[in-house]
Amino acid sequence: MLIVVMEDRLFPPEQVCHSCLLADGKGQPRWYGGQLRCGQVIHKCGENKCVEEQPEQYECAMGFRIANIR
């Protein structure tokens, strides 16, 4: 399940993506083959530290953070 993360709030993608020109015809983020096609992956490793327990996160082209919650 994809969620949009903004500061300390979580939103379903339909609340945010419906007005995005990069969204699909149903107003959903372009999610194919387990990857967000309208954004870049945010790597879990940084500054010599990896955080494996965090869900996969992406930054969409509009600047929002999208997480894949399983």
N, C-alpha and C. Protein backbone atom coordinates (compact mmCIF):
# COMPACT_ATOMS: atom_id res chain seq x y z
N MET A 1 0.85 -1.17 0.00
CA MET A 1 0.00 0.00 0.00
C MET A 1 0.90 1.23 0.00
N LEU A 2 0.59 2.16 -0.87
CA LEU A 2 1.35 3.41 -0.94
C LEU A 2 0.69 4.47 -0.08
N ILE A 3 1.51 5.27 0.60
CA ILE A 3 1.02 6.41 1.36
C ILE A 3 1.91 7.61 1.05
N VAL A 4 1.34 8.80 1.17
CA VAL A 4 2.10 10.03 0.99
C VAL A 4 2.42 10.57 2.38
N VAL A 5 3.69 10.89 2.61
CA VAL A 5 4.16 11.36 3.91
C VAL A 5 4.48 12.85 3.79
N MET A 6 3.82 13.65 4.63
CA MET A 6 4.10 15.09 4.70
C MET A 6 4.28 15.48 6.15
N GLU A 7 5.50 15.86 6.49
CA GLU A 7 5.88 16.20 7.86
C GLU A 7 5.41 15.11 8.82
N ASP A 8 4.40 15.36 9.64
CA ASP A 8 3.95 14.37 10.61
C ASP A 8 2.58 13.79 10.25
N ARG A 9 2.21 13.85 8.98
CA ARG A 9 0.92 13.35 8.52
C ARG A 9 1.07 12.34 7.40
N LEU A 10 0.10 11.44 7.33
CA LEU A 10 0.05 10.45 6.26
C LEU A 10 -1.24 10.64 5.48
N PHE A 11 -1.16 10.55 4.16
CA PHE A 11 -2.32 10.73 3.31
C PHE A 11 -2.39 9.60 2.29
N PRO A 12 -3.60 9.20 1.91
CA PRO A 12 -3.70 8.25 0.80
C PRO A 12 -3.33 8.97 -0.50
N PRO A 13 -2.72 8.29 -1.44
CA PRO A 13 -2.28 8.94 -2.68
C PRO A 13 -3.41 9.65 -3.43
N GLU A 14 -4.65 9.12 -3.34
CA GLU A 14 -5.71 9.77 -4.09
C GLU A 14 -5.98 11.21 -3.64
N GLN A 15 -5.63 11.55 -2.41
CA GLN A 15 -5.82 12.92 -1.94
C GLN A 15 -4.78 13.87 -2.51
N VAL A 16 -3.62 13.36 -2.86
CA VAL A 16 -2.51 14.20 -3.31
C VAL A 16 -2.29 14.09 -4.82
N CYS A 17 -2.33 12.88 -5.33
CA CYS A 17 -1.92 12.61 -6.71
C CYS A 17 -2.99 12.94 -7.75
N HIS A 18 -4.24 13.08 -7.35
CA HIS A 18 -5.31 13.28 -8.34
C HIS A 18 -5.10 14.50 -9.22
N SER A 19 -4.39 15.51 -8.73
CA SER A 19 -4.16 16.72 -9.53
C SER A 19 -2.79 16.75 -10.21
N CYS A 20 -2.02 15.68 -10.05
CA CYS A 20 -0.67 15.62 -10.63
C CYS A 20 -0.74 15.21 -12.09
N LEU A 21 -0.03 15.90 -12.94
CA LEU A 21 0.01 15.56 -14.36
C LEU A 21 0.72 14.23 -14.63
N LEU A 22 1.52 13.77 -13.68
CA LEU A 22 2.25 12.51 -13.86
C LEU A 22 1.47 11.30 -13.33
N ALA A 23 0.33 11.52 -12.70
CA ALA A 23 -0.47 10.42 -12.17
C ALA A 23 -1.13 9.65 -13.32
N ASP A 24 -1.57 8.44 -13.00
CA ASP A 24 -2.26 7.66 -14.03
C ASP A 24 -3.68 8.19 -14.22
N GLY A 25 -4.44 7.56 -15.08
CA GLY A 25 -5.79 8.02 -15.40
C GLY A 25 -6.75 7.97 -14.23
N LYS A 26 -6.42 7.21 -13.19
CA LYS A 26 -7.27 7.11 -12.00
C LYS A 26 -6.78 8.01 -10.88
N GLY A 27 -5.79 8.86 -11.14
CA GLY A 27 -5.27 9.75 -10.11
C GLY A 27 -4.35 9.08 -9.12
N GLN A 28 -3.78 7.95 -9.50
CA GLN A 28 -2.85 7.20 -8.65
C GLN A 28 -1.42 7.42 -9.12
N PRO A 29 -0.46 7.29 -8.21
CA PRO A 29 0.93 7.38 -8.66
C PRO A 29 1.24 6.24 -9.63
N ARG A 30 2.16 6.47 -10.51
CA ARG A 30 2.52 5.45 -11.51
C ARG A 30 3.42 4.39 -10.87
N TRP A 31 2.79 3.33 -10.36
CA TRP A 31 3.47 2.26 -9.65
C TRP A 31 3.43 1.01 -10.51
N TYR A 32 4.58 0.58 -11.02
CA TYR A 32 4.66 -0.59 -11.89
C TYR A 32 5.84 -1.46 -11.47
N GLY A 33 5.62 -2.74 -11.40
CA GLY A 33 6.70 -3.67 -11.10
C GLY A 33 7.39 -3.41 -9.78
N GLY A 34 6.65 -2.91 -8.80
CA GLY A 34 7.23 -2.65 -7.49
C GLY A 34 8.08 -1.40 -7.41
N GLN A 35 7.95 -0.50 -8.40
CA GLN A 35 8.72 0.75 -8.38
C GLN A 35 7.83 1.92 -8.75
N LEU A 36 8.13 3.06 -8.16
CA LEU A 36 7.41 4.29 -8.48
C LEU A 36 8.04 4.88 -9.74
N ARG A 37 7.26 4.97 -10.81
CA ARG A 37 7.77 5.46 -12.10
C ARG A 37 7.79 6.98 -12.18
N CYS A 38 7.08 7.65 -11.31
CA CYS A 38 7.03 9.12 -11.36
C CYS A 38 7.85 9.73 -10.22
N GLY A 39 8.89 9.02 -9.77
CA GLY A 39 9.74 9.54 -8.70
C GLY A 39 11.05 8.80 -8.60
N GLN A 40 11.85 9.20 -7.63
CA GLN A 40 13.17 8.64 -7.39
C GLN A 40 13.19 7.92 -6.04
N VAL A 41 13.90 6.80 -5.98
CA VAL A 41 14.03 6.08 -4.72
C VAL A 41 14.89 6.91 -3.75
N ILE A 42 14.51 6.89 -2.49
CA ILE A 42 15.30 7.50 -1.42
C ILE A 42 16.06 6.36 -0.75
N HIS A 43 17.35 6.39 -0.80
CA HIS A 43 18.16 5.29 -0.29
C HIS A 43 18.11 5.24 1.23
N LYS A 44 18.08 4.01 1.75
CA LYS A 44 17.99 3.79 3.19
C LYS A 44 19.33 4.00 3.90
N CYS A 45 20.40 4.07 3.15
CA CYS A 45 21.72 4.21 3.75
C CYS A 45 22.22 5.64 3.58
N GLY A 46 22.80 6.16 4.61
CA GLY A 46 23.37 7.49 4.57
C GLY A 46 24.25 7.71 5.78
N GLU A 47 25.33 8.42 5.60
CA GLU A 47 26.26 8.73 6.68
C GLU A 47 26.66 7.48 7.46
N ASN A 48 27.12 6.45 6.73
CA ASN A 48 27.64 5.21 7.32
C ASN A 48 26.60 4.45 8.14
N LYS A 49 25.32 4.63 7.85
CA LYS A 49 24.29 3.97 8.63
C LYS A 49 23.14 3.56 7.71
N CYS A 50 22.73 2.31 7.81
CA CYS A 50 21.59 1.81 7.03
C CYS A 50 20.43 1.54 7.96
N VAL A 51 19.25 1.88 7.50
CA VAL A 51 18.04 1.66 8.29
C VAL A 51 17.18 0.67 7.52
N GLU A 52 17.28 -0.60 7.83
CA GLU A 52 16.58 -1.64 7.10
C GLU A 52 15.11 -1.72 7.48
N GLU A 53 14.74 -1.36 8.70
CA GLU A 53 13.36 -1.54 9.13
C GLU A 53 12.40 -0.48 8.58
N GLN A 54 12.91 0.53 7.91
CA GLN A 54 12.04 1.53 7.31
C GLN A 54 11.47 1.01 5.99
N PRO A 55 10.25 1.41 5.65
CA PRO A 55 9.69 1.00 4.35
C PRO A 55 10.41 1.69 3.20
N GLU A 56 10.26 1.13 2.00
CA GLU A 56 10.82 1.78 0.82
C GLU A 56 10.19 3.15 0.68
N GLN A 57 11.03 4.15 0.39
CA GLN A 57 10.52 5.51 0.23
C GLN A 57 11.01 6.10 -1.08
N TYR A 58 10.16 6.95 -1.63
CA TYR A 58 10.44 7.59 -2.91
C TYR A 58 10.13 9.07 -2.78
N GLU A 59 10.79 9.88 -3.59
CA GLU A 59 10.42 11.28 -3.71
C GLU A 59 9.82 11.45 -5.09
N CYS A 60 8.55 11.86 -5.11
CA CYS A 60 7.88 12.01 -6.39
C CYS A 60 8.38 13.29 -7.08
N ALA A 61 8.04 13.42 -8.34
CA ALA A 61 8.48 14.57 -9.13
C ALA A 61 7.92 15.88 -8.59
N MET A 62 6.82 15.82 -7.86
CA MET A 62 6.21 17.03 -7.28
C MET A 62 6.83 17.38 -5.92
N GLY A 63 7.74 16.51 -5.41
CA GLY A 63 8.45 16.80 -4.17
C GLY A 63 7.88 16.13 -2.94
N PHE A 64 6.83 15.34 -3.08
CA PHE A 64 6.26 14.63 -1.94
C PHE A 64 7.03 13.34 -1.69
N ARG A 65 6.97 12.86 -0.46
CA ARG A 65 7.60 11.60 -0.12
C ARG A 65 6.51 10.53 -0.11
N ILE A 66 6.76 9.43 -0.79
CA ILE A 66 5.81 8.33 -0.88
C ILE A 66 6.48 7.09 -0.29
N ALA A 67 5.78 6.40 0.61
CA ALA A 67 6.31 5.20 1.23
C ALA A 67 5.47 3.99 0.82
N ASN A 68 6.13 2.86 0.66
CA ASN A 68 5.46 1.61 0.34
C ASN A 68 5.35 0.81 1.63
N ILE A 69 4.15 0.80 2.22
CA ILE A 69 3.89 0.09 3.46
C ILE A 69 3.37 -1.30 3.12
N ARG A 70 3.97 -2.31 3.68
CA ARG A 70 3.52 -3.70 3.39
C ARG A 70 2.85 -4.29 4.58
